[in-house]
PDB file of N, CA and C in Angstrom:
ATOM      1  N   MET A   1      84.453  86.150 105.702  1.00  0.00           N
ATOM      2  CA  MET A   1      84.547  85.808 107.089  1.00  0.00           C
ATOM      3  C   MET A   1      83.664  86.800 107.884  1.00  0.00           C
ATOM      4  N   PRO A   2      82.725  86.373 108.580  1.00  0.00           N
ATOM      5  CA  PRO A   2      81.828  87.281 109.390  1.00  0.00           C
ATOM      6  C   PRO A   2      82.624  87.984 110.495  1.00  0.00           C
ATOM      7  N   VAL A   3      82.440  89.308 110.711  1.00  0.00           N
ATOM      8  CA  VAL A   3      82.962  90.079 111.737  1.00  0.00           C
ATOM      9  C   VAL A   3      81.904  90.997 112.188  1.00  0.00           C
ATOM     10  N   GLY A   4      81.467  90.881 113.456  1.00  0.00           N
ATOM     11  CA  GLY A   4      80.251  91.694 113.858  1.00  0.00           C
ATOM     12  C   GLY A   4      79.061  91.475 113.051  1.00  0.00           C
ATOM     13  N   THR A   5      78.457  92.543 112.577  1.00  0.00           N
ATOM     14  CA  THR A   5      77.299  92.511 111.723  1.00  0.00           C
ATOM     15  C   THR A   5      77.740  92.495 110.304  1.00  0.00           C
ATOM     16  N   GLY A   6      78.953  92.500 109.913  1.00  0.00           N
ATOM     17  CA  GLY A   6      79.450  92.476 108.525  1.00  0.00           C
ATOM     18  C   GLY A   6      80.411  91.453 108.216  1.00  0.00           C
ATOM     19  N   THR A   7      81.368  91.702 107.348  1.00  0.00           N
ATOM     20  CA  THR A   7      82.431  90.855 106.989  1.00  0.00           C
ATOM     21  C   THR A   7      83.834  91.384 107.206  1.00  0.00           C
ATOM     22  N   LEU A   8      84.799  90.668 107.381  1.00  0.00           N
ATOM     23  CA  LEU A   8      86.217  91.086 107.510  1.00  0.00           C
ATOM     24  C   LEU A   8      86.519  92.067 106.403  1.00  0.00           C
ATOM     25  N   TYR A   9      86.076  91.766 105.172  1.00  0.00           N
ATOM     26  CA  TYR A   9      86.439  92.585 104.043  1.00  0.00           C
ATOM     27  C   TYR A   9      85.917  93.996 104.210  1.00  0.00           C
ATOM     28  N   GLN A  10      84.818  94.189 104.926  1.00  0.00           N
ATOM     29  CA  GLN A  10      84.243  95.540 105.105  1.00  0.00           C
ATOM     30  C   GLN A  10      84.548  96.126 106.485  1.00  0.00           C
ATOM     31  N   TRP A  11      85.312  95.528 107.280  1.00  0.00           N
ATOM     32  CA  TRP A  11      85.650  95.985 108.714  1.00  0.00           C
ATOM     33  C   TRP A  11      86.555  97.208 108.647  1.00  0.00           C
ATOM     34  N   TRP A  12      86.106  98.263 109.404  1.00  0.00           N
ATOM     35  CA  TRP A  12      86.903  99.504 109.490  1.00  0.00           C
ATOM     36  C   TRP A  12      88.027  99.323 110.483  1.00  0.00           C
ATOM     37  N   LEU A  13      89.218  99.536 110.100  1.00  0.00           N
ATOM     38  CA  LEU A  13      90.357  99.547 111.011  1.00  0.00           C
ATOM     39  C   LEU A  13      90.481 100.902 111.637  1.00  0.00           C
ATOM     40  N   VAL A  14      90.256 101.904 110.873  1.00  0.00           N
ATOM     41  CA  VAL A  14      90.187 103.329 111.399  1.00  0.00           C
ATOM     42  C   VAL A  14      88.867 103.862 110.756  1.00  0.00           C
ATOM     43  N   GLN A  15      87.856 104.132 111.585  1.00  0.00           N
ATOM     44  CA  GLN A  15      86.562 104.424 111.063  1.00  0.00           C
ATOM     45  C   GLN A  15      86.576 105.469 110.047  1.00  0.00           C
ATOM     46  N   ASP A  16      85.875 105.146 108.905  1.00  0.00           N
ATOM     47  CA  ASP A  16      85.685 106.108 107.790  1.00  0.00           C
ATOM     48  C   ASP A  16      87.055 106.463 107.064  1.00  0.00           C
ATOM     49  N   VAL A  17      88.211 105.839 107.349  1.00  0.00           N
ATOM     50  CA  VAL A  17      89.411 106.164 106.782  1.00  0.00           C
ATOM     51  C   VAL A  17      90.101 104.870 106.110  1.00  0.00           C
ATOM     52  N   VAL A  18      90.223 103.775 106.864  1.00  0.00           N
ATOM     53  CA  VAL A  18      90.929 102.600 106.393  1.00  0.00           C
ATOM     54  C   VAL A  18      90.196 101.375 106.785  1.00  0.00           C
ATOM     55  N   ARG A  19      89.782 100.597 105.720  1.00  0.00           N
ATOM     56  CA  ARG A  19      89.085  99.337 105.966  1.00  0.00           C
ATOM     57  C   ARG A  19      90.205  98.148 105.845  1.00  0.00           C
ATOM     58  N   TYR A  20      89.842  97.027 106.312  1.00  0.00           N
ATOM     59  CA  TYR A  20      90.658  95.813 106.252  1.00  0.00           C
ATOM     60  C   TYR A  20      90.949  95.621 104.730  1.00  0.00           C
ATOM     61  N   ASP A  21      90.077  95.756 103.837  1.00  0.00           N
ATOM     62  CA  ASP A  21      90.209  95.551 102.489  1.00  0.00           C
ATOM     63  C   ASP A  21      91.337  96.537 101.994  1.00  0.00           C
ATOM     64  N   ASN A  22      91.383  97.766 102.413  1.00  0.00           N
ATOM     65  CA  ASN A  22      92.437  98.635 101.973  1.00  0.00           C
ATOM     66  C   ASN A  22      93.763  98.207 102.331  1.00  0.00           C
ATOM     67  N   LEU A  23      93.924  97.755 103.632  1.00  0.00           N
ATOM     68  CA  LEU A  23      95.217  97.111 104.098  1.00  0.00           C
ATOM     69  C   LEU A  23      95.652  96.004 103.250  1.00  0.00           C
ATOM     70  N   GLN A  24      94.628  95.078 102.892  1.00  0.00           N
ATOM     71  CA  GLN A  24      94.927  93.882 102.099  1.00  0.00           C
ATOM     72  C   GLN A  24      95.319  94.335 100.698  1.00  0.00           C
ATOM     73  N   HIS A  25      94.775  95.323 100.092  1.00  0.00           N
ATOM     74  CA  HIS A  25      95.213  95.786  98.816  1.00  0.00           C
ATOM     75  C   HIS A  25      96.591  96.296  98.881  1.00  0.00           C
ATOM     76  N   ALA A  26      96.865  97.226  99.871  1.00  0.00           N
ATOM     77  CA  ALA A  26      98.235  97.796  99.951  1.00  0.00           C
ATOM     78  C   ALA A  26      99.339  96.767 100.106  1.00  0.00           C
ATOM     79  N   VAL A  27      99.125  95.826 100.978  1.00  0.00           N
ATOM     80  CA  VAL A  27     100.113  94.778 101.126  1.00  0.00           C
ATOM     81  C   VAL A  27     100.174  93.872  99.969  1.00  0.00           C
ATOM     82  N   GLY A  28      98.988  93.326  99.583  1.00  0.00           N
ATOM     83  CA  GLY A  28      99.013  92.354  98.401  1.00  0.00           C
ATOM     84  C   GLY A  28      99.537  92.935  97.116  1.00  0.00           C
ATOM     85  N   PHE A  29      99.126  94.107  96.775  1.00  0.00           N
ATOM     86  CA  PHE A  29      99.613  94.625  95.416  1.00  0.00           C
ATOM     87  C   PHE A  29     101.004  95.285  95.575  1.00  0.00           C
ATOM     88  N   GLY A  30     101.422  95.667  96.768  1.00  0.00           N
ATOM     89  CA  GLY A  30     102.794  96.000  96.985  1.00  0.00           C
ATOM     90  C   GLY A  30     103.669  94.812  96.727  1.00  0.00           C
ATOM     91  N   VAL A  31     103.343  93.615  97.223  1.00  0.00           N
ATOM     92  CA  VAL A  31     104.051  92.377  96.973  1.00  0.00           C
ATOM     93  C   VAL A  31     104.007  92.004  95.504  1.00  0.00           C
ATOM     94  N   VAL A  32     102.884  92.120  94.910  1.00  0.00           N
ATOM     95  CA  VAL A  32     102.769  91.889  93.446  1.00  0.00           C
ATOM     96  C   VAL A  32     103.645  92.873  92.671  1.00  0.00           C
ATOM     97  N   GLY A  33     103.778  94.120  93.029  1.00  0.00           N
ATOM     98  CA  GLY A  33     104.657  95.046  92.421  1.00  0.00           C
ATOM     99  C   GLY A  33     106.144  94.522  92.544  1.00  0.00           C
ATOM    100  N   ARG A  34     106.512  94.047  93.734  1.00  0.00           N
ATOM    101  CA  ARG A  34     107.828  93.628  94.000  1.00  0.00           C
ATOM    102  C   ARG A  34     108.113  92.407  93.081  1.00  0.00           C
ATOM    103  N   ALA A  35     107.109  91.552  93.073  1.00  0.00           N
ATOM    104  CA  ALA A  35     107.238  90.330  92.138  1.00  0.00           C
ATOM    105  C   ALA A  35     107.500  90.798  90.645  1.00  0.00           C
ATOM    106  N   THR A  36     106.851  91.843  90.293  1.00  0.00           N
ATOM    107  CA  THR A  36     107.119  92.362  88.955  1.00  0.00           C
ATOM    108  C   THR A  36     108.471  92.748  88.697  1.00  0.00           C
ATOM    109  N   TRP A  37     109.024  93.440  89.745  1.00  0.00           N
ATOM    110  CA  TRP A  37     110.447  93.817  89.695  1.00  0.00           C
ATOM    111  C   TRP A  37     111.334  92.598  89.609  1.00  0.00           C
ATOM    112  N   GLU A  38     111.135  91.668  90.378  1.00  0.00           N
ATOM    113  CA  GLU A  38     111.920  90.457  90.480  1.00  0.00           C
ATOM    114  C   GLU A  38     111.849  89.767  89.140  1.00  0.00           C
ATOM    115  N   ALA A  39     110.733  89.787  88.462  1.00  0.00           N
ATOM    116  CA  ALA A  39     110.559  89.112  87.184  1.00  0.00           C
ATOM    117  C   ALA A  39     111.208  89.876  86.031  1.00  0.00           C
ATOM    118  N   LEU A  40     111.134  91.245  86.165  1.00  0.00           N
ATOM    119  CA  LEU A  40     111.683  92.007  84.989  1.00  0.00           C
ATOM    120  C   LEU A  40     113.015  92.762  85.307  1.00  0.00           C
ATOM    121  N   GLY A  41     113.426  92.779  86.479  1.00  0.00           N
ATOM    122  CA  GLY A  41     114.653  93.640  86.738  1.00  0.00           C
ATOM    123  C   GLY A  41     115.794  93.217  85.903  1.00  0.00           C
ATOM    124  N   ARG A  42     116.158  91.900  85.814  1.00  0.00           N
ATOM    125  CA  ARG A  42     117.352  91.549  84.989  1.00  0.00           C
ATOM    126  C   ARG A  42     117.125  91.733  83.507  1.00  0.00           C
ATOM    127  N   ARG A  43     115.876  91.638  83.110  1.00  0.00           N
ATOM    128  CA  ARG A  43     115.565  91.762  81.710  1.00  0.00           C
ATOM    129  C   ARG A  43     115.727  93.256  81.181  1.00  0.00           C
ATOM    130  N   LEU A  44     115.369  94.110  82.175  1.00  0.00           N
ATOM    131  CA  LEU A  44     115.395  95.612  81.856  1.00  0.00           C
ATOM    132  C   LEU A  44     116.803  95.983  81.927  1.00  0.00           C
ATOM    133  N   ALA A  45     117.650  95.397  82.724  1.00  0.00           N
ATOM    134  CA  ALA A  45     119.059  95.637  82.872  1.00  0.00           C
ATOM    135  C   ALA A  45     119.419  97.101  82.962  1.00  0.00           C
ATOM    136  N   PRO A  46     118.863  97.781  84.001  1.00  0.00           N
ATOM    137  CA  PRO A  46     119.159  99.248  84.080  1.00  0.00           C
ATOM    138  C   PRO A  46     120.602  99.343  84.536  1.00  0.00           C
ATOM    139  N   PRO A  47     121.269 100.493  84.261  1.00  0.00           N
ATOM    140  CA  PRO A  47     122.707 100.663  84.661  1.00  0.00           C
ATOM    141  C   PRO A  47     122.638 100.782  86.135  1.00  0.00           C
ATOM    142  N   PRO A  48     123.786 100.406  86.870  1.00  0.00           N
ATOM    143  CA  PRO A  48     123.869 100.289  88.284  1.00  0.00           C
ATOM    144  C   PRO A  48     123.426 101.630  88.972  1.00  0.00           C
ATOM    145  N   GLY A  49     123.724 102.795  88.458  1.00  0.00           N
ATOM    146  CA  GLY A  49     123.348 104.042  89.018  1.00  0.00           C
ATOM    147  C   GLY A  49     121.836 104.286  88.915  1.00  0.00           C
ATOM    148  N   ALA A  50     121.148 103.631  88.025  1.00  0.00           N
ATOM    149  CA  ALA A  50     119.738 103.903  87.814  1.00  0.00           C
ATOM    150  C   ALA A  50     118.833 102.709  88.387  1.00  0.00           C
ATOM    151  N   ARG A  51     119.592 101.639  88.860  1.00  0.00           N
ATOM    152  CA  ARG A  51     118.746 100.448  89.263  1.00  0.00           C
ATOM    153  C   ARG A  51     117.824 100.764  90.371  1.00  0.00           C
ATOM    154  N   ALA A  52     118.102 101.443  91.333  1.00  0.00           N
ATOM    155  CA  ALA A  52     117.207 101.770  92.464  1.00  0.00           C
ATOM    156  C   ALA A  52     115.939 102.489  91.953  1.00  0.00           C
ATOM    157  N   ALA A  53     116.162 103.540  91.128  1.00  0.00           N
ATOM    158  CA  ALA A  53     114.990 104.302  90.589  1.00  0.00           C
ATOM    159  C   ALA A  53     114.166 103.442  89.755  1.00  0.00           C
ATOM    160  N   VAL A  54     114.741 102.666  88.918  1.00  0.00           N
ATOM    161  CA  VAL A  54     113.964 101.810  88.047  1.00  0.00           C
ATOM    162  C   VAL A  54     113.248 100.726  88.855  1.00  0.00           C
ATOM    163  N   ALA A  55     113.833 100.181  89.868  1.00  0.00           N
ATOM    164  CA  ALA A  55     113.174  99.214  90.727  1.00  0.00           C
ATOM    165  C   ALA A  55     111.932  99.967  91.387  1.00  0.00           C
ATOM    166  N   TRP A  56     112.096 101.119  91.884  1.00  0.00           N
ATOM    167  CA  TRP A  56     110.882 101.890  92.497  1.00  0.00           C
ATOM    168  C   TRP A  56     109.825 101.993  91.455  1.00  0.00           C
ATOM    169  N   TRP A  57     110.039 102.482  90.273  1.00  0.00           N
ATOM    170  CA  TRP A  57     109.073 102.675  89.304  1.00  0.00           C
ATOM    171  C   TRP A  57     108.437 101.358  88.901  1.00  0.00           C
ATOM    172  N   VAL A  58     109.197 100.326  88.670  1.00  0.00           N
ATOM    173  CA  VAL A  58     108.599  99.006  88.261  1.00  0.00           C
ATOM    174  C   VAL A  58     107.644  98.500  89.364  1.00  0.00           C
ATOM    175  N   VAL A  59     108.093  98.635  90.609  1.00  0.00           N
ATOM    176  CA  VAL A  59     107.145  98.183  91.688  1.00  0.00           C
ATOM    177  C   VAL A  59     105.854  98.966  91.657  1.00  0.00           C
ATOM    178  N   VAL A  60     106.019 100.329  91.633  1.00  0.00           N
ATOM    179  CA  VAL A  60     104.897 101.110  91.729  1.00  0.00           C
ATOM    180  C   VAL A  60     103.909 100.871  90.552  1.00  0.00           C
ATOM    181  N   LEU A  61     104.520 100.786  89.323  1.00  0.00           N
ATOM    182  CA  LEU A  61     103.667 100.574  88.114  1.00  0.00           C
ATOM    183  C   LEU A  61     103.069  99.180  88.090  1.00  0.00           C
ATOM    184  N   GLY A  62     103.864  98.176  88.699  1.00  0.00           N
ATOM    185  CA  GLY A  62     103.270  96.834  88.720  1.00  0.00           C
ATOM    186  C   GLY A  62     102.162  96.743  89.718  1.00  0.00           C
ATOM    187  N   ALA A  63     102.348  97.296  90.818  1.00  0.00           N
ATOM    188  CA  ALA A  63     101.221  97.274  91.840  1.00  0.00           C
ATOM    189  C   ALA A  63      99.972  98.001  91.258  1.00  0.00           C
ATOM    190  N   GLY A  64     100.219  99.156  90.586  1.00  0.00           N
ATOM    191  CA  GLY A  64      99.064  99.930  90.035  1.00  0.00           C
ATOM    192  C   GLY A  64      98.385  99.128  88.800  1.00  0.00           C
ATOM    193  N   ALA A  65      99.187  98.501  87.946  1.00  0.00           N
ATOM    194  CA  ALA A  65      98.568  97.819  86.860  1.00  0.00           C
ATOM    195  C   ALA A  65      97.875  96.587  87.274  1.00  0.00           C
ATOM    196  N   PHE A  66      98.463  95.769  88.106  1.00  0.00           N
ATOM    197  CA  PHE A  66      97.732  94.525  88.581  1.00  0.00           C
ATOM    198  C   PHE A  66      96.601  94.868  89.437  1.00  0.00           C
ATOM    199  N   GLY A  67      96.716  95.886  90.177  1.00  0.00           N
ATOM    200  CA  GLY A  67      95.636  96.405  91.107  1.00  0.00           C
ATOM    201  C   GLY A  67      94.414  96.889  90.227  1.00  0.00           C
ATOM    202  N   ALA A  68      94.718  97.532  89.156  1.00  0.00           N
ATOM    203  CA  ALA A  68      93.615  98.049  88.229  1.00  0.00           C
ATOM    204  C   ALA A  68      93.015  96.784  87.590  1.00  0.00           C
ATOM    205  N   LEU A  69      93.764  95.886  87.125  1.00  0.00           N
ATOM    206  CA  LEU A  69      93.194  94.646  86.540  1.00  0.00           C
ATOM    207  C   LEU A  69      92.265  93.877  87.567  1.00  0.00           C
ATOM    208  N   ASN A  70      92.631  93.914  88.842  1.00  0.00           N
ATOM    209  CA  ASN A  70      91.781  93.268  89.843  1.00  0.00           C
ATOM    210  C   ASN A  70      90.526  94.122  89.892  1.00  0.00           C
ATOM    211  N   GLU A  71      90.505  95.332  89.854  1.00  0.00           N
ATOM    212  CA  GLU A  71      89.309  96.222  89.924  1.00  0.00           C
ATOM    213  C   GLU A  71      88.369  95.993  88.629  1.00  0.00           C
ATOM    214  N   VAL A  72      88.946  95.739  87.483  1.00  0.00           N
ATOM    215  CA  VAL A  72      88.188  95.379  86.325  1.00  0.00           C
ATOM    216  C   VAL A  72      87.404  94.052  86.574  1.00  0.00           C
ATOM    217  N   VAL A  73      88.161  93.100  87.214  1.00  0.00           N
ATOM    218  CA  VAL A  73      87.613  91.801  87.502  1.00  0.00           C
ATOM    219  C   VAL A  73      86.468  92.035  88.510  1.00  0.00           C
ATOM    220  N   GLU A  74      86.659  92.822  89.506  1.00  0.00           N
ATOM    221  CA  GLU A  74      85.645  93.053  90.518  1.00  0.00           C
ATOM    222  C   GLU A  74      84.346  93.630  89.796  1.00  0.00           C
ATOM    223  N   TRP A  75      84.596  94.602  88.978  1.00  0.00           N
ATOM    224  CA  TRP A  75      83.499  95.240  88.225  1.00  0.00           C
ATOM    225  C   TRP A  75      82.747  94.217  87.288  1.00  0.00           C
ATOM    226  N   VAL A  76      83.439  93.286  86.581  1.00  0.00           N
ATOM    227  CA  VAL A  76      82.722  92.324  85.880  1.00  0.00           C
ATOM    228  C   VAL A  76      81.930  91.397  86.716  1.00  0.00           C
ATOM    229  N   LEU A  77      82.428  91.124  87.840  1.00  0.00           N
ATOM    230  CA  LEU A  77      81.692  90.265  88.896  1.00  0.00           C
ATOM    231  C   LEU A  77      80.406  90.861  89.314  1.00  0.00           C
ATOM    232  N   THR A  78      80.515  92.212  89.597  1.00  0.00           N
ATOM    233  CA  THR A  78      79.233  92.886  89.928  1.00  0.00           C
ATOM    234  C   THR A  78      78.210  92.919  88.845  1.00  0.00           C
ATOM    235  N   LEU A  79      78.637  92.793  87.656  1.00  0.00           N
ATOM    236  CA  LEU A  79      77.787  92.658  86.446  1.00  0.00           C
ATOM    237  C   LEU A  79      77.139  91.251  86.245  1.00  0.00           C
ATOM    238  N   THR A  80      77.883  90.338  86.714  1.00  0.00           N
ATOM    239  CA  THR A  80      77.425  88.959  86.404  1.00  0.00           C
ATOM    240  C   THR A  80      76.913  88.156  87.620  1.00  0.00           C
ATOM    241  N   LEU A  81      77.206  88.589  88.818  1.00  0.00           N
ATOM    242  CA  LEU A  81      76.783  87.940  90.024  1.00  0.00           C
ATOM    243  C   LEU A  81      75.787  88.850  90.810  1.00  0.00           C
ATOM    244  N   GLU A  82      74.696  88.197  91.337  1.00  0.00           N
ATOM    245  CA  GLU A  82      73.781  89.020  92.095  1.00  0.00           C
ATOM    246  C   GLU A  82      74.380  89.669  93.367  1.00  0.00           C
ATOM    247  N   THR A  83      75.157  88.970  94.128  1.00  0.00           N
ATOM    248  CA  THR A  83      75.722  89.545  95.365  1.00  0.00           C
ATOM    249  C   THR A  83      77.199  89.268  95.358  1.00  0.00           C
ATOM    250  N   THR A  84      78.040  90.298  95.375  1.00  0.00           N
ATOM    251  CA  THR A  84      79.408  90.235  95.346  1.00  0.00           C
ATOM    252  C   THR A  84      80.040  90.960  96.656  1.00  0.00           C
ATOM    253  N   ARG A  85      79.314  91.843  97.272  1.00  0.00           N
ATOM    254  CA  ARG A  85      79.763  92.623  98.418  1.00  0.00           C
ATOM    255  C   ARG A  85      81.081  93.416  98.024  1.00  0.00           C
ATOM    256  N   VAL A  86      81.282  93.729  96.787  1.00  0.00           N
ATOM    257  CA  VAL A  86      82.482  94.412  96.332  1.00  0.00           C
ATOM    258  C   VAL A  86      82.373  95.941  96.578  1.00  0.00           C
ATOM    259  N   GLY A  87      81.245  96.499  96.450  1.00  0.00           N
ATOM    260  CA  GLY A  87      81.066  97.929  96.677  1.00  0.00           C
ATOM    261  C   GLY A  87      80.981  98.615  95.387  1.00  0.00           C
ATOM    262  N   GLY A  88      81.085  99.997  95.561  1.00  0.00           N
ATOM    263  CA  GLY A  88      80.864 100.795  94.299  1.00  0.00           C
ATOM    264  C   GLY A  88      82.060 101.618  94.027  1.00  0.00           C
ATOM    265  N   TYR A  89      81.772 102.871  93.492  1.00  0.00           N
ATOM    266  CA  TYR A  89      82.866 103.765  93.172  1.00  0.00           C
ATOM    267  C   TYR A  89      83.904 104.032  94.361  1.00  0.00           C
ATOM    268  N   ASP A  90      83.234 104.258  95.564  1.00  0.00           N
ATOM    269  CA  ASP A  90      84.114 104.584  96.690  1.00  0.00           C
ATOM    270  C   ASP A  90      85.014 103.491  96.978  1.00  0.00           C
ATOM    271  N   ASN A  91      84.591 102.270  96.913  1.00  0.00           N
ATOM    272  CA  ASN A  91      85.384 101.036  97.131  1.00  0.00           C
ATOM    273  C   ASN A  91      86.490 100.959  96.096  1.00  0.00           C
ATOM    274  N   THR A  92      86.187 101.123  94.832  1.00  0.00           N
ATOM    275  CA  THR A  92      87.141 101.160  93.801  1.00  0.00           C
ATOM    276  C   THR A  92      88.189 102.176  93.988  1.00  0.00           C
ATOM    277  N   ALA A  93      87.837 103.473  94.339  1.00  0.00           N
ATOM    278  CA  ALA A  93      88.789 104.547  94.571  1.00  0.00           C
ATOM    279  C   ALA A  93      89.642 104.209  95.736  1.00  0.00           C
ATOM    280  N   ARG A  94      89.107 103.717  96.823  1.00  0.00           N
ATOM    281  CA  ARG A  94      89.932 103.304  98.018  1.00  0.00           C
ATOM    282  C   ARG A  94      90.912 102.173  97.691  1.00  0.00           C
ATOM    283  N   ASP A  95      90.444 101.275  96.893  1.00  0.00           N
ATOM    284  CA  ASP A  95      91.360 100.133  96.545  1.00  0.00           C
ATOM    285  C   ASP A  95      92.438 100.606  95.573  1.00  0.00           C
ATOM    286  N   LEU A  96      92.209 101.483  94.606  1.00  0.00           N
ATOM    287  CA  LEU A  96      93.205 101.961  93.692  1.00  0.00           C
ATOM    288  C   LEU A  96      94.218 102.816  94.579  1.00  0.00           C
ATOM    289  N   LEU A  97      93.755 103.626  95.409  1.00  0.00           N
ATOM    290  CA  LEU A  97      94.637 104.391  96.276  1.00  0.00           C
ATOM    291  C   LEU A  97      95.479 103.482  97.208  1.00  0.00           C
ATOM    292  N   ALA A  98      94.901 102.481  97.743  1.00  0.00           N
ATOM    293  CA  ALA A  98      95.612 101.514  98.571  1.00  0.00           C
ATOM    294  C   ALA A  98      96.732 100.708  97.730  1.00  0.00           C
ATOM    295  N   ASN A  99      96.389 100.432  96.487  1.00  0.00           N
ATOM    296  CA  ASN A  99      97.440  99.809  95.678  1.00  0.00           C
ATOM    297  C   ASN A  99      98.559 100.758  95.374  1.00  0.00           C
ATOM    298  N   LEU A 100      98.297 102.062  95.207  1.00  0.00           N
ATOM    299  CA  LEU A 100      99.272 103.031  94.978  1.00  0.00           C
ATOM    300  C   LEU A 100     100.223 103.154  96.312  1.00  0.00           C
ATOM    301  N   VAL A 101      99.600 103.283  97.368  1.00  0.00           N
ATOM    302  CA  VAL A 101     100.319 103.411  98.650  1.00  0.00           C
ATOM    303  C   VAL A 101     101.198 102.209  98.873  1.00  0.00           C
ATOM    304  N   GLY A 102     100.594 101.021  98.654  1.00  0.00           N
ATOM    305  CA  GLY A 102     101.466  99.802  98.868  1.00  0.00           C
ATOM    306  C   GLY A 102     102.625  99.831  97.841  1.00  0.00           C
ATOM    307  N   GLY A 103     102.370 100.137  96.629  1.00  0.00           N
ATOM    308  CA  GLY A 103     103.447 100.169  95.613  1.00  0.00           C
ATOM    309  C   GLY A 103     104.488 101.171  95.929  1.00  0.00           C
ATOM    310  N   VAL A 104     104.132 102.345  96.409  1.00  0.00           N
ATOM    311  CA  VAL A 104     105.186 103.428  96.803  1.00  0.00           C
ATOM    312  C   VAL A 104     105.949 102.899  97.947  1.00  0.00           C
ATOM    313  N   LEU A 105     105.342 102.347  98.969  1.00  0.00           N
ATOM    314  CA  LEU A 105     106.114 101.890 100.151  1.00  0.00           C
ATOM    315  C   LEU A 105     106.988 100.684  99.820  1.00  0.00           C
ATOM    316  N   VAL A 106     106.501  99.730  99.136  1.00  0.00           N
ATOM    317  CA  VAL A 106     107.321  98.559  98.704  1.00  0.00           C
ATOM    318  C   VAL A 106     108.310  98.924  97.836  1.00  0.00           C
ATOM    319  N   GLY A 107     107.985  99.894  96.867  1.00  0.00           N
ATOM    320  CA  GLY A 107     108.926 100.375  95.908  1.00  0.00           C
ATOM    321  C   GLY A 107     110.100 101.080  96.643  1.00  0.00           C
ATOM    322  N   GLY A 108     109.748 101.850  97.629  1.00  0.00           N
ATOM    323  CA  GLY A 108     110.827 102.496  98.422  1.00  0.00           C
ATOM    324  C   GLY A 108     111.721 101.434  99.016  1.00  0.00           C
ATOM    325  N   ALA A 109     111.131 100.494  99.667  1.00  0.00           N
ATOM    326  CA  ALA A 109     111.937  99.383 100.340  1.00  0.00           C
ATOM    327  C   ALA A 109     112.792  98.670  99.282  1.00  0.00           C
ATOM    328  N   SER A 110     112.248  98.392  98.078  1.00  0.00           N
ATOM    329  CA  SER A 110     112.965  97.792  97.018  1.00  0.00           C
ATOM    330  C   SER A 110     114.194  98.612  96.585  1.00  0.00           C
ATOM    331  N   ALA A 111     113.939  99.872  96.336  1.00  0.00           N
ATOM    332  CA  ALA A 111     115.015 100.813  95.883  1.00  0.00           C
ATOM    333  C   ALA A 111     116.096 100.853  96.903  1.00  0.00           C
ATOM    334  N   TRP A 112     115.654 100.901  98.226  1.00  0.00           N
ATOM    335  CA  TRP A 112     116.663 100.914  99.276  1.00  0.00           C
ATOM    336  C   TRP A 112     117.532  99.606  99.253  1.00  0.00           C
ATOM    337  N   GLU A 113     116.872  98.526  99.078  1.00  0.00           N
ATOM    338  CA  GLU A 113     117.541  97.239  99.045  1.00  0.00           C
ATOM    339  C   GLU A 113     118.576  97.213  97.818  1.00  0.00           C
ATOM    340  N   VAL A 114     118.092  97.634  96.741  1.00  0.00           N
ATOM    341  CA  VAL A 114     118.995  97.646  95.515  1.00  0.00           C
ATOM    342  C   VAL A 114     120.173  98.552  95.672  1.00  0.00           C
ATOM    343  N   ARG A 115     119.958  99.760  96.282  1.00  0.00           N
ATOM    344  CA  ARG A 115     121.011 100.640  96.585  1.00  0.00           C
ATOM    345  C   ARG A 115     122.020 100.105  97.510  1.00  0.00           C
ATOM    346  N   ARG A 116     121.455  99.505  98.585  1.00  0.00           N
ATOM    347  CA  ARG A 116     122.302  98.790  99.598  1.00  0.00           C
ATOM    348  C   ARG A 116     123.139  97.712  98.999  1.00  0.00           C
ATOM    349  N   GLY A 117     122.515  96.827  98.123  1.00  0.00           N
ATOM    350  CA  GLY A 117     123.260  95.810  97.428  1.00  0.00           C
ATOM    351  C   GLY A 117     124.372  96.322  96.614  1.00  0.00           C
ATOM    352  N   GLU A 118     124.165  97.479  95.884  1.00  0.00           N
ATOM    353  CA  GLU A 118     125.162  98.007  95.146  1.00  0.00           C
ATOM    354  C   GLU A 118     126.406  98.430  95.991  1.00  0.00           C
ATOM    355  N   ARG A 119     126.035  99.024  97.142  1.00  0.00           N
ATOM    356  CA  ARG A 119     127.166  99.490  98.074  1.00  0.00           C
ATOM    357  C   ARG A 119     127.824  98.293  98.619  1.00  0.00           C
ATOM    358  N   VAL A 120     127.177  97.266  99.015  1.00  0.00           N
ATOM    359  CA  VAL A 120     127.766  95.999  99.577  1.00  0.00           C
ATOM    360  C   VAL A 120     128.676  95.374  98.558  1.00  0.00           C
ATOM    361  N   ALA A 121     128.294  95.440  97.342  1.00  0.00           N
ATOM    362  CA  ALA A 121     129.149  94.889  96.330  1.00  0.00           C
ATOM    363  C   ALA A 121     130.377  95.690  95.949  1.00  0.00           C
ATOM    364  N   GLY A 122     130.490  96.790  96.609  1.00  0.00           N
ATOM    365  CA  GLY A 122     131.740  97.637  96.412  1.00  0.00           C
ATOM    366  C   GLY A 122     131.595  98.601  95.313  1.00  0.00           C
ATOM    367  N   ARG A 123     130.448  98.806  94.776  1.00  0.00           N
ATOM    368  CA  ARG A 123     130.308  99.764  93.778  1.00  0.00           C
ATOM    369  C   ARG A 123     129.578 101.002  94.284  1.00  0.00           C
ATOM    370  N   PRO A 124     130.206 102.093  94.184  1.00  0.00           N
ATOM    371  CA  PRO A 124     129.434 103.345  94.543  1.00  0.00           C
ATOM    372  C   PRO A 124     128.260 103.540  93.551  1.00  0.00           C
ATOM    373  N   PRO A 125     127.227 104.170  94.112  1.00  0.00           N
ATOM    374  CA  PRO A 125     126.113 104.527  93.268  1.00  0.00           C
ATOM    375  C   PRO A 125     126.523 105.197  91.998  1.00  0.00           C
ATOM    376  N   GLY A 126     126.125 104.696  90.807  1.00  0.00           N
ATOM    377  CA  GLY A 126     126.440 105.318  89.512  1.00  0.00           C
ATOM    378  C   GLY A 126     127.617 104.820  88.873  1.00  0.00           C
ATOM    379  N   ALA A 127     128.353 103.900  89.577  1.00  0.00           N
ATOM    380  CA  ALA A 127     129.562 103.295  88.910  1.00  0.00           C
ATOM    381  C   ALA A 127     129.167 102.396  87.896  1.00  0.00           C
ATOM    382  N   ALA A 128     129.954 102.221  86.805  1.00  0.00           N
ATOM    383  CA  ALA A 128     129.637 101.334  85.653  1.00  0.00           C
ATOM    384  C   ALA A 128     129.918  99.858  86.220  1.00  0.00           C
ATOM    385  N   GLY A 129     129.212  98.906  85.656  1.00  0.00           N
ATOM    386  CA  GLY A 129     129.670  97.697  86.033  1.00  0.00           C
ATOM    387  C   GLY A 129     128.996  96.449  86.286  1.00  0.00           C
TER     388      GLY A 129
END
């Protein structure tokens, strides 16, 4: 999508600090990390006292892993297509950092939600059950 003389993908939200693409990565892969927790949480079956910490880690690692896979796909596209507008090492580093930030933030919200759910269910943190 064109914005000014460039594209929305390349648009700086905060000049030389955060681009639209970085925000998109943080939100998108944070959500992907949360989806990873939703898919694996019951299968992992962490004990109640550890569920919040495990949720945080699964979200962060899911966001990072799927974000890294996305960067590999972008790299392959730069090798096979003449124009991708994906960028170089700086873009990749910014994207990976944004994936991490999104995973940490959404992971924190997920851990808080898990902890809150345990309290609402009447189980103090760490109780068996």
